Amino acid sequence: MRQEISVQDGKVFVSLFGSLYVEEAAVLRQKLLMHLDKGYNHFVVNLSNVDYIDSSGLGVLVTIHKRSLQHGGNVAITGLKGTVKELFELTRLNKVFEVK
């Protein structure tokens, strides 16, 4: 799995590519927590190029969402499609996150 993370206008933009499994989720979690520690609390996560995400990947997104909310921020999810979209709907995470 490949990830691209950039900061623009005070927001952290995260683009993920491929499949997000437990190993990649741990790395992603560390990188996003580093941005939270630096004071960034608005995240935009693009999942349009993700073909699979496991429970640990979803857990990372939920963790970052909770932490950003505690600091007045949020996590927006973009590009949901296919099985990843179905998974968000099945787990009702599409009601938790701002989905664009």
PDB file of N, CA and C in Angstrom:
ATOM      1  N   MET A   1       0.831  -1.182   0.000  1.00  0.00           N
ATOM      2  CA  MET A   1       0.000   0.000   0.000  1.00  0.00           C
ATOM      3  C   MET A   1       0.875   1.245   0.000  1.00  0.00           C
ATOM      4  N   ARG A   2       0.478   2.210  -0.795  1.00  0.00           N
ATOM      5  CA  ARG A   2       1.207   3.465  -0.885  1.00  0.00           C
ATOM      6  C   ARG A   2       0.347   4.564  -0.269  1.00  0.00           C
ATOM      7  N   GLN A   3       1.017   5.545   0.317  1.00  0.00           N
ATOM      8  CA  GLN A   3       0.288   6.669   0.908  1.00  0.00           C
ATOM      9  C   GLN A   3       0.997   7.969   0.588  1.00  0.00           C
ATOM     10  N   GLU A   4       0.211   8.992   0.350  1.00  0.00           N
ATOM     11  CA  GLU A   4       0.740  10.332   0.116  1.00  0.00           C
ATOM     12  C   GLU A   4       0.066  11.253   1.119  1.00  0.00           C
ATOM     13  N   ILE A   5       0.889  11.978   1.880  1.00  0.00           N
ATOM     14  CA  ILE A   5       0.369  12.876   2.904  1.00  0.00           C
ATOM     15  C   ILE A   5       0.953  14.260   2.669  1.00  0.00           C
ATOM     16  N   SER A   6       0.080  15.260   2.593  1.00  0.00           N
ATOM     17  CA  SER A   6       0.538  16.631   2.412  1.00  0.00           C
ATOM     18  C   SER A   6      -0.317  17.558   3.272  1.00  0.00           C
ATOM     19  N   VAL A   7       0.228  18.726   3.545  1.00  0.00           N
ATOM     20  CA  VAL A   7      -0.501  19.726   4.327  1.00  0.00           C
ATOM     21  C   VAL A   7      -0.723  20.949   3.444  1.00  0.00           C
ATOM     22  N   GLN A   8      -1.986  21.379   3.359  1.00  0.00           N
ATOM     23  CA  GLN A   8      -2.334  22.576   2.590  1.00  0.00           C
ATOM     24  C   GLN A   8      -3.396  23.349   3.367  1.00  0.00           C
ATOM     25  N   ASP A   9      -3.181  24.624   3.527  1.00  0.00           N
ATOM     26  CA  ASP A   9      -4.152  25.494   4.205  1.00  0.00           C
ATOM     27  C   ASP A   9      -4.570  24.954   5.571  1.00  0.00           C
ATOM     28  N   GLY A  10      -3.631  24.390   6.312  1.00  0.00           N
ATOM     29  CA  GLY A  10      -3.916  23.902   7.656  1.00  0.00           C
ATOM     30  C   GLY A  10      -4.620  22.559   7.714  1.00  0.00           C
ATOM     31  N   LYS A  11      -4.848  21.940   6.553  1.00  0.00           N
ATOM     32  CA  LYS A  11      -5.488  20.621   6.518  1.00  0.00           C
ATOM     33  C   LYS A  11      -4.477  19.579   6.072  1.00  0.00           C
ATOM     34  N   VAL A  12      -4.638  18.370   6.609  1.00  0.00           N
ATOM     35  CA  VAL A  12      -3.787  17.259   6.218  1.00  0.00           C
ATOM     36  C   VAL A  12      -4.546  16.434   5.184  1.00  0.00           C
ATOM     37  N   PHE A  13      -3.981  16.354   3.985  1.00  0.00           N
ATOM     38  CA  PHE A  13      -4.589  15.572   2.907  1.00  0.00           C
ATOM     39  C   PHE A  13      -3.875  14.236   2.803  1.00  0.00           C
ATOM     40  N   VAL A  14      -4.647  13.163   2.895  1.00  0.00           N
ATOM     41  CA  VAL A  14      -4.101  11.813   2.885  1.00  0.00           C
ATOM     42  C   VAL A  14      -4.709  11.058   1.709  1.00  0.00           C
ATOM     43  N   SER A  15      -3.862  10.590   0.801  1.00  0.00           N
ATOM     44  CA  SER A  15      -4.324   9.753  -0.309  1.00  0.00           C
ATOM     45  C   SER A  15      -3.723   8.369  -0.127  1.00  0.00           C
ATOM     46  N   LEU A  16      -4.584   7.371  -0.139  1.00  0.00           N
ATOM     47  CA  LEU A  16      -4.147   5.988   0.054  1.00  0.00           C
ATOM     48  C   LEU A  16      -4.368   5.206  -1.232  1.00  0.00           C
ATOM     49  N   PHE A  17      -3.470   4.265  -1.480  1.00  0.00           N
ATOM     50  CA  PHE A  17      -3.510   3.470  -2.711  1.00  0.00           C
ATOM     51  C   PHE A  17      -3.309   1.999  -2.371  1.00  0.00           C
ATOM     52  N   GLY A  18      -4.169   1.123  -2.909  1.00  0.00           N
ATOM     53  CA  GLY A  18      -4.003  -0.313  -2.696  1.00  0.00           C
ATOM     54  C   GLY A  18      -4.897  -0.824  -1.580  1.00  0.00           C
ATOM     55  N   SER A  19      -4.354  -1.738  -0.788  1.00  0.00           N
ATOM     56  CA  SER A  19      -5.102  -2.355   0.314  1.00  0.00           C
ATOM     57  C   SER A  19      -4.503  -1.936   1.644  1.00  0.00           C
ATOM     58  N   LEU A  20      -5.378  -1.644   2.608  1.00  0.00           N
ATOM     59  CA  LEU A  20      -4.934  -1.206   3.929  1.00  0.00           C
ATOM     60  C   LEU A  20      -5.154  -2.336   4.927  1.00  0.00           C
ATOM     61  N   TYR A  21      -4.050  -3.003   5.272  1.00  0.00           N
ATOM     62  CA  TYR A  21      -4.071  -4.092   6.242  1.00  0.00           C
ATOM     63  C   TYR A  21      -3.384  -3.635   7.528  1.00  0.00           C
ATOM     64  N   VAL A  22      -3.345  -4.514   8.510  1.00  0.00           N
ATOM     65  CA  VAL A  22      -2.862  -4.176   9.847  1.00  0.00           C
ATOM     66  C   VAL A  22      -1.451  -3.577   9.845  1.00  0.00           C
ATOM     67  N   GLU A  23      -0.544  -4.104   9.045  1.00  0.00           N
ATOM     68  CA  GLU A  23       0.831  -3.597   9.051  1.00  0.00           C
ATOM     69  C   GLU A  23       0.878  -2.144   8.567  1.00  0.00           C
ATOM     70  N   GLU A  24       0.208  -1.893   7.440  1.00  0.00           N
ATOM     71  CA  GLU A  24       0.186  -0.539   6.896  1.00  0.00           C
ATOM     72  C   GLU A  24      -0.597   0.402   7.798  1.00  0.00           C
ATOM     73  N   ALA A  25      -1.627  -0.123   8.450  1.00  0.00           N
ATOM     74  CA  ALA A  25      -2.448   0.696   9.341  1.00  0.00           C
ATOM     75  C   ALA A  25      -1.626   1.248  10.499  1.00  0.00           C
ATOM     76  N   ALA A  26      -0.724   0.436  11.031  1.00  0.00           N
ATOM     77  CA  ALA A  26       0.117   0.884  12.148  1.00  0.00           C
ATOM     78  C   ALA A  26       1.026   2.030  11.712  1.00  0.00           C
ATOM     79  N   VAL A  27       1.592   1.918  10.516  1.00  0.00           N
ATOM     80  CA  VAL A  27       2.460   2.974   9.993  1.00  0.00           C
ATOM     81  C   VAL A  27       1.655   4.251   9.747  1.00  0.00           C
ATOM     82  N   LEU A  28       0.485   4.092   9.135  1.00  0.00           N
ATOM     83  CA  LEU A  28      -0.381   5.234   8.862  1.00  0.00           C
ATOM     84  C   LEU A  28      -0.788   5.925  10.159  1.00  0.00           C
ATOM     85  N   ARG A  29      -1.127   5.144  11.159  1.00  0.00           N
ATOM     86  CA  ARG A  29      -1.537   5.692  12.462  1.00  0.00           C
ATOM     87  C   ARG A  29      -0.434   6.582  13.031  1.00  0.00           C
ATOM     88  N   GLN A  30       0.808   6.091  13.000  1.00  0.00           N
ATOM     89  CA  GLN A  30       1.942   6.863  13.534  1.00  0.00           C
ATOM     90  C   GLN A  30       2.100   8.183  12.790  1.00  0.00           C
ATOM     91  N   LYS A  31       2.007   8.120  11.462  1.00  0.00           N
ATOM     92  CA  LYS A  31       2.185   9.342  10.657  1.00  0.00           C
ATOM     93  C   LYS A  31       1.086  10.362  10.947  1.00  0.00           C
ATOM     94  N   LEU A  32      -0.155   9.890  11.057  1.00  0.00           N
ATOM     95  CA  LEU A  32      -1.260  10.819  11.297  1.00  0.00           C
ATOM     96  C   LEU A  32      -1.225  11.373  12.716  1.00  0.00           C
ATOM     97  N   LEU A  33      -0.827  10.542  13.670  1.00  0.00           N
ATOM     98  CA  LEU A  33      -0.700  11.042  15.049  1.00  0.00           C
ATOM     99  C   LEU A  33       0.393  12.107  15.148  1.00  0.00           C
ATOM    100  N   MET A  34       1.445  11.965  14.349  1.00  0.00           N
ATOM    101  CA  MET A  34       2.500  12.987  14.333  1.00  0.00           C
ATOM    102  C   MET A  34       1.931  14.329  13.876  1.00  0.00           C
ATOM    103  N   HIS A  35       1.042  14.294  12.893  1.00  0.00           N
ATOM    104  CA  HIS A  35       0.416  15.538  12.437  1.00  0.00           C
ATOM    105  C   HIS A  35      -0.497  16.122  13.518  1.00  0.00           C
ATOM    106  N   LEU A  36      -1.217  15.265  14.227  1.00  0.00           N
ATOM    107  CA  LEU A  36      -2.043  15.741  15.345  1.00  0.00           C
ATOM    108  C   LEU A  36      -1.171  16.389  16.411  1.00  0.00           C
ATOM    109  N   ASP A  37      -0.043  15.761  16.703  1.00  0.00           N
ATOM    110  CA  ASP A  37       0.877  16.305  17.714  1.00  0.00           C
ATOM    111  C   ASP A  37       1.436  17.662  17.301  1.00  0.00           C
ATOM    112  N   LYS A  38       1.516  17.905  15.998  1.00  0.00           N
ATOM    113  CA  LYS A  38       2.017  19.187  15.491  1.00  0.00           C
ATOM    114  C   LYS A  38       0.927  20.253  15.474  1.00  0.00           C
ATOM    115  N   GLY A  39      -0.309  19.867  15.851  1.00  0.00           N
ATOM    116  CA  GLY A  39      -1.382  20.842  15.935  1.00  0.00           C
ATOM    117  C   GLY A  39      -2.384  20.795  14.798  1.00  0.00           C
ATOM    118  N   TYR A  40      -2.194  19.906  13.848  1.00  0.00           N
ATOM    119  CA  TYR A  40      -3.170  19.773  12.761  1.00  0.00           C
ATOM    120  C   TYR A  40      -4.332  18.908  13.238  1.00  0.00           C
ATOM    121  N   ASN A  41      -5.555  19.363  12.986  1.00  0.00           N
ATOM    122  CA  ASN A  41      -6.701  18.578  13.443  1.00  0.00           C
ATOM    123  C   ASN A  41      -7.797  18.439  12.388  1.00  0.00           C
ATOM    124  N   HIS A  42      -7.515  18.861  11.163  1.00  0.00           N
ATOM    125  CA  HIS A  42      -8.450  18.668  10.054  1.00  0.00           C
ATOM    126  C   HIS A  42      -7.789  17.761   9.027  1.00  0.00           C
ATOM    127  N   PHE A  43      -8.442  16.637   8.753  1.00  0.00           N
ATOM    128  CA  PHE A  43      -7.897  15.639   7.836  1.00  0.00           C
ATOM    129  C   PHE A  43      -8.891  15.373   6.715  1.00  0.00           C
ATOM    130  N   VAL A  44      -8.378  15.207   5.510  1.00  0.00           N
ATOM    131  CA  VAL A  44      -9.175  14.795   4.359  1.00  0.00           C
ATOM    132  C   VAL A  44      -8.516  13.523   3.819  1.00  0.00           C
ATOM    133  N   VAL A  45      -9.233  12.411   3.925  1.00  0.00           N
ATOM    134  CA  VAL A  45      -8.677  11.116   3.533  1.00  0.00           C
ATOM    135  C   VAL A  45      -9.355  10.647   2.248  1.00  0.00           C
ATOM    136  N   ASN A  46      -8.549  10.506   1.202  1.00  0.00           N
ATOM    137  CA  ASN A  46      -9.045  10.067  -0.100  1.00  0.00           C
ATOM    138  C   ASN A  46      -8.863   8.560  -0.223  1.00  0.00           C
ATOM    139  N   LEU A  47      -9.979   7.851  -0.319  1.00  0.00           N
ATOM    140  CA  LEU A  47      -9.946   6.387  -0.416  1.00  0.00           C
ATOM    141  C   LEU A  47     -10.330   5.897  -1.814  1.00  0.00           C
ATOM    142  N   SER A  48     -10.306   6.781  -2.814  1.00  0.00           N
ATOM    143  CA  SER A  48     -10.765   6.392  -4.151  1.00  0.00           C
ATOM    144  C   SER A  48      -9.885   5.324  -4.791  1.00  0.00           C
ATOM    145  N   ASN A  49      -8.635   5.205  -4.350  1.00  0.00           N
ATOM    146  CA  ASN A  49      -7.730   4.197  -4.913  1.00  0.00           C
ATOM    147  C   ASN A  49      -7.479   3.036  -3.959  1.00  0.00           C
ATOM    148  N   VAL A  50      -8.349   2.886  -2.962  1.00  0.00           N
ATOM    149  CA  VAL A  50      -8.226   1.781  -2.009  1.00  0.00           C
ATOM    150  C   VAL A  50      -9.217   0.699  -2.400  1.00  0.00           C
ATOM    151  N   ASP A  51      -8.711  -0.532  -2.581  1.00  0.00           N
ATOM    152  CA  ASP A  51      -9.604  -1.622  -2.972  1.00  0.00           C
ATOM    153  C   ASP A  51     -10.012  -2.492  -1.792  1.00  0.00           C
ATOM    154  N   TYR A  52      -9.314  -2.356  -0.657  1.00  0.00           N
ATOM    155  CA  TYR A  52      -9.690  -3.125   0.532  1.00  0.00           C
ATOM    156  C   TYR A  52      -9.139  -2.428   1.775  1.00  0.00           C
ATOM    157  N   ILE A  53      -9.928  -2.467   2.837  1.00  0.00           N
ATOM    158  CA  ILE A  53      -9.487  -1.927   4.128  1.00  0.00           C
ATOM    159  C   ILE A  53      -9.983  -2.884   5.207  1.00  0.00           C
ATOM    160  N   ASP A  54      -9.074  -3.316   6.091  1.00  0.00           N
ATOM    161  CA  ASP A  54      -9.497  -4.247   7.145  1.00  0.00           C
ATOM    162  C   ASP A  54      -9.876  -3.476   8.409  1.00  0.00           C
ATOM    163  N   SER A  55     -10.243  -4.209   9.456  1.00  0.00           N
ATOM    164  CA  SER A  55     -10.737  -3.571  10.679  1.00  0.00           C
ATOM    165  C   SER A  55      -9.680  -2.685  11.328  1.00  0.00           C
ATOM    166  N   SER A  56      -8.418  -3.049  11.218  1.00  0.00           N
ATOM    167  CA  SER A  56      -7.368  -2.209  11.807  1.00  0.00           C
ATOM    168  C   SER A  56      -7.249  -0.889  11.047  1.00  0.00           C
ATOM    169  N   GLY A  57      -7.440  -0.933   9.736  1.00  0.00           N
ATOM    170  CA  GLY A  57      -7.438   0.298   8.949  1.00  0.00           C
ATOM    171  C   GLY A  57      -8.593   1.205   9.324  1.00  0.00           C
ATOM    172  N   LEU A  58      -9.774   0.608   9.485  1.00  0.00           N
ATOM    173  CA  LEU A  58     -10.929   1.385   9.941  1.00  0.00           C
ATOM    174  C   LEU A  58     -10.676   1.947  11.332  1.00  0.00           C
ATOM    175  N   GLY A  59     -10.029   1.146  12.179  1.00  0.00           N
ATOM    176  CA  GLY A  59      -9.709   1.587  13.544  1.00  0.00           C
ATOM    177  C   GLY A  59      -8.809   2.809  13.565  1.00  0.00           C
ATOM    178  N   VAL A  60      -7.848   2.851  12.653  1.00  0.00           N
ATOM    179  CA  VAL A  60      -6.962   4.020  12.562  1.00  0.00           C
ATOM    180  C   VAL A  60      -7.772   5.262  12.225  1.00  0.00           C
ATOM    181  N   LEU A  61      -8.661   5.143  11.253  1.00  0.00           N
ATOM    182  CA  LEU A  61      -9.483   6.290  10.865  1.00  0.00           C
ATOM    183  C   LEU A  61     -10.365   6.756  12.018  1.00  0.00           C
ATOM    184  N   VAL A  62     -10.937   5.816  12.761  1.00  0.00           N
ATOM    185  CA  VAL A  62     -11.780   6.158  13.909  1.00  0.00           C
ATOM    186  C   VAL A  62     -10.948   6.834  14.996  1.00  0.00           C
ATOM    187  N   THR A  63      -9.759   6.308  15.259  1.00  0.00           N
ATOM    188  CA  THR A  63      -8.864   6.895  16.274  1.00  0.00           C
ATOM    189  C   THR A  63      -8.508   8.333  15.921  1.00  0.00           C
ATOM    190  N   ILE A  64      -8.109   8.556  14.679  1.00  0.00           N
ATOM    191  CA  ILE A  64      -7.736   9.902  14.247  1.00  0.00           C
ATOM    192  C   ILE A  64      -8.955  10.827  14.306  1.00  0.00           C
ATOM    193  N   HIS A  65     -10.112  10.299  13.941  1.00  0.00           N
ATOM    194  CA  HIS A  65     -11.348  11.087  13.998  1.00  0.00           C
ATOM    195  C   HIS A  65     -11.643  11.526  15.436  1.00  0.00           C
ATOM    196  N   LYS A  66     -11.571  10.592  16.369  1.00  0.00           N
ATOM    197  CA  LYS A  66     -11.839  10.923  17.781  1.00  0.00           C
ATOM    198  C   LYS A  66     -10.857  11.960  18.305  1.00  0.00           C
ATOM    199  N   ARG A  67      -9.572  11.752  18.010  1.00  0.00           N
ATOM    200  CA  ARG A  67      -8.546  12.679  18.497  1.00  0.00           C
ATOM    201  C   ARG A  67      -8.708  14.059  17.871  1.00  0.00           C
ATOM    202  N   SER A  68      -9.047  14.107  16.586  1.00  0.00           N
ATOM    203  CA  SER A  68      -9.206  15.416  15.944  1.00  0.00           C
ATOM    204  C   SER A  68     -10.437  16.142  16.491  1.00  0.00           C
ATOM    205  N   LEU A  69     -11.517  15.394  16.779  1.00  0.00           N
ATOM    206  CA  LEU A  69     -12.712  16.010  17.364  1.00  0.00           C
ATOM    207  C   LEU A  69     -12.399  16.627  18.721  1.00  0.00           C
ATOM    208  N   GLN A  70     -11.566  15.962  19.506  1.00  0.00           N
ATOM    209  CA  GLN A  70     -11.187  16.474  20.829  1.00  0.00           C
ATOM    210  C   GLN A  70     -10.461  17.810  20.726  1.00  0.00           C
ATOM    211  N   HIS A  71      -9.865  18.074  19.563  1.00  0.00           N
ATOM    212  CA  HIS A  71      -9.126  19.318  19.356  1.00  0.00           C
ATOM    213  C   HIS A  71      -9.856  20.259  18.393  1.00  0.00           C
ATOM    214  N   GLY A  72     -11.165  20.040  18.234  1.00  0.00           N
ATOM    215  CA  GLY A  72     -11.969  20.936  17.411  1.00  0.00           C
ATOM    216  C   GLY A  72     -11.872  20.688  15.913  1.00  0.00           C
ATOM    217  N   GLY A  73     -11.358  19.554  15.516  1.00  0.00           N
ATOM    218  CA  GLY A  73     -11.205  19.253  14.095  1.00  0.00           C
ATOM    219  C   GLY A  73     -12.162  18.182  13.618  1.00  0.00           C
ATOM    220  N   ASN A  74     -11.813  17.574  12.490  1.00  0.00           N
ATOM    221  CA  ASN A  74     -12.640  16.501  11.946  1.00  0.00           C
ATOM    222  C   ASN A  74     -11.847  15.706  10.904  1.00  0.00           C
ATOM    223  N   VAL A  75     -12.439  14.608  10.483  1.00  0.00           N
ATOM    224  CA  VAL A  75     -11.888  13.803   9.401  1.00  0.00           C
ATOM    225  C   VAL A  75     -12.971  13.662   8.346  1.00  0.00           C
ATOM    226  N   ALA A  76     -12.652  14.078   7.134  1.00  0.00           N
ATOM    227  CA  ALA A  76     -13.562  13.909   6.005  1.00  0.00           C
ATOM    228  C   ALA A  76     -13.032  12.781   5.128  1.00  0.00           C
ATOM    229  N   ILE A  77     -13.936  11.950   4.653  1.00  0.00           N
ATOM    230  CA  ILE A  77     -13.575  10.830   3.787  1.00  0.00           C
ATOM    231  C   ILE A  77     -14.079  11.125   2.389  1.00  0.00           C
ATOM    232  N   THR A  78     -13.225  10.966   1.392  1.00  0.00           N
ATOM    233  CA  THR A  78     -13.638  11.172   0.005  1.00  0.00           C
ATOM    234  C   THR A  78     -13.345   9.913  -0.813  1.00  0.00           C
ATOM    235  N   GLY A  79     -14.040   9.788  -1.915  1.00  0.00           N
ATOM    236  CA  GLY A  79     -13.745   8.739  -2.878  1.00  0.00           C
ATOM    237  C   GLY A  79     -14.210   7.341  -2.526  1.00  0.00           C
ATOM    238  N   LEU A  80     -15.205   7.223  -1.659  1.00  0.00           N
ATOM    239  CA  LEU A  80     -15.696   5.883  -1.316  1.00  0.00           C
ATOM    240  C   LEU A  80     -16.364   5.235  -2.518  1.00  0.00           C
ATOM    241  N   LYS A  81     -15.992   3.979  -2.787  1.00  0.00           N
ATOM    242  CA  LYS A  81     -16.625   3.245  -3.879  1.00  0.00           C
ATOM    243  C   LYS A  81     -16.431   1.748  -3.672  1.00  0.00           C
ATOM    244  N   GLY A  82     -17.222   0.980  -4.366  1.00  0.00           N
ATOM    245  CA  GLY A  82     -17.071  -0.474  -4.353  1.00  0.00           C
ATOM    246  C   GLY A  82     -17.180  -1.093  -2.982  1.00  0.00           C
ATOM    247  N   THR A  83     -16.332  -2.078  -2.714  1.00  0.00           N
ATOM    248  CA  THR A  83     -16.398  -2.814  -1.443  1.00  0.00           C
ATOM    249  C   THR A  83     -16.041  -1.936  -0.251  1.00  0.00           C
ATOM    250  N   VAL A  84     -15.185  -0.944  -0.459  1.00  0.00           N
ATOM    251  CA  VAL A  84     -14.832  -0.042   0.652  1.00  0.00           C
ATOM    252  C   VAL A  84     -16.055   0.789   1.045  1.00  0.00           C
ATOM    253  N   LYS A  85     -16.802   1.257   0.061  1.00  0.00           N
ATOM    254  CA  LYS A  85     -18.037   2.005   0.340  1.00  0.00           C
ATOM    255  C   LYS A  85     -19.048   1.110   1.061  1.00  0.00           C
ATOM    256  N   GLU A  86     -19.178  -0.122   0.582  1.00  0.00           N
ATOM    257  CA  GLU A  86     -20.101  -1.070   1.216  1.00  0.00           C
ATOM    258  C   GLU A  86     -19.716  -1.317   2.674  1.00  0.00           C
ATOM    259  N   LEU A  87     -18.421  -1.433   2.931  1.00  0.00           N
ATOM    260  CA  LEU A  87     -17.939  -1.667   4.287  1.00  0.00           C
ATOM    261  C   LEU A  87     -18.269  -0.476   5.195  1.00  0.00           C
ATOM    262  N   PHE A  88     -18.088   0.741   4.688  1.00  0.00           N
ATOM    263  CA  PHE A  88     -18.436   1.933   5.462  1.00  0.00           C
ATOM    264  C   PHE A  88     -19.926   1.962   5.766  1.00  0.00           C
ATOM    265  N   GLU A  89     -20.749   1.565   4.792  1.00  0.00           N
ATOM    266  CA  GLU A  89     -22.200   1.554   5.006  1.00  0.00           C
ATOM    267  C   GLU A  89     -22.603   0.444   5.971  1.00  0.00           C
ATOM    268  N   LEU A  90     -22.005  -0.725   5.830  1.00  0.00           N
ATOM    269  CA  LEU A  90     -22.314  -1.864   6.693  1.00  0.00           C
ATOM    270  C   LEU A  90     -21.979  -1.563   8.156  1.00  0.00           C
ATOM    271  N   THR A  91     -20.848  -0.909   8.372  1.00  0.00           N
ATOM    272  CA  THR A  91     -20.411  -0.579   9.737  1.00  0.00           C
ATOM    273  C   THR A  91     -20.988   0.752  10.217  1.00  0.00           C
ATOM    274  N   ARG A  92     -21.743   1.403   9.330  1.00  0.00           N
ATOM    275  CA  ARG A  92     -22.353   2.707   9.603  1.00  0.00           C
ATOM    276  C   ARG A  92     -21.326   3.807   9.853  1.00  0.00           C
ATOM    277  N   LEU A  93     -20.100   3.580   9.428  1.00  0.00           N
ATOM    278  CA  LEU A  93     -19.080   4.620   9.562  1.00  0.00           C
ATOM    279  C   LEU A  93     -19.351   5.790   8.622  1.00  0.00           C
ATOM    280  N   ASN A  94     -20.175   5.552   7.608  1.00  0.00           N
ATOM    281  CA  ASN A  94     -20.566   6.667   6.736  1.00  0.00           C
ATOM    282  C   ASN A  94     -21.414   7.682   7.495  1.00  0.00           C
ATOM    283  N   LYS A  95     -21.954   7.296   8.657  1.00  0.00           N
ATOM    284  CA  LYS A  95     -22.706   8.230   9.507  1.00  0.00           C
ATOM    285  C   LYS A  95     -21.787   8.923  10.514  1.00  0.00           C
ATOM    286  N   VAL A  96     -20.624   8.341  10.762  1.00  0.00           N
ATOM    287  CA  VAL A  96     -19.677   8.876  11.732  1.00  0.00           C
ATOM    288  C   VAL A  96     -18.809   9.957  11.098  1.00  0.00           C
ATOM    289  N   PHE A  97     -18.293   9.642   9.913  1.00  0.00           N
ATOM    290  CA  PHE A  97     -17.407  10.573   9.215  1.00  0.00           C
ATOM    291  C   PHE A  97     -18.200  11.495   8.306  1.00  0.00           C
ATOM    292  N   GLU A  98     -17.607  12.631   8.005  1.00  0.00           N
ATOM    293  CA  GLU A  98     -18.128  13.495   6.953  1.00  0.00           C
ATOM    294  C   GLU A  98     -17.676  12.842   5.645  1.00  0.00           C
ATOM    295  N   VAL A  99     -18.621  12.355   4.866  1.00  0.00           N
ATOM    296  CA  VAL A  99     -18.298  11.673   3.616  1.00  0.00           C
ATOM    297  C   VAL A  99     -18.630  12.593   2.456  1.00  0.00           C
ATOM    298  N   LYS A 100     -17.647  12.834   1.609  1.00  0.00           N
ATOM    299  CA  LYS A 100     -17.831  13.741   0.458  1.00  0.00           C
ATOM    300  C   LYS A 100     -17.775  12.945  -0.826  1.00  0.00           C
TER     301      LYS A 100
END
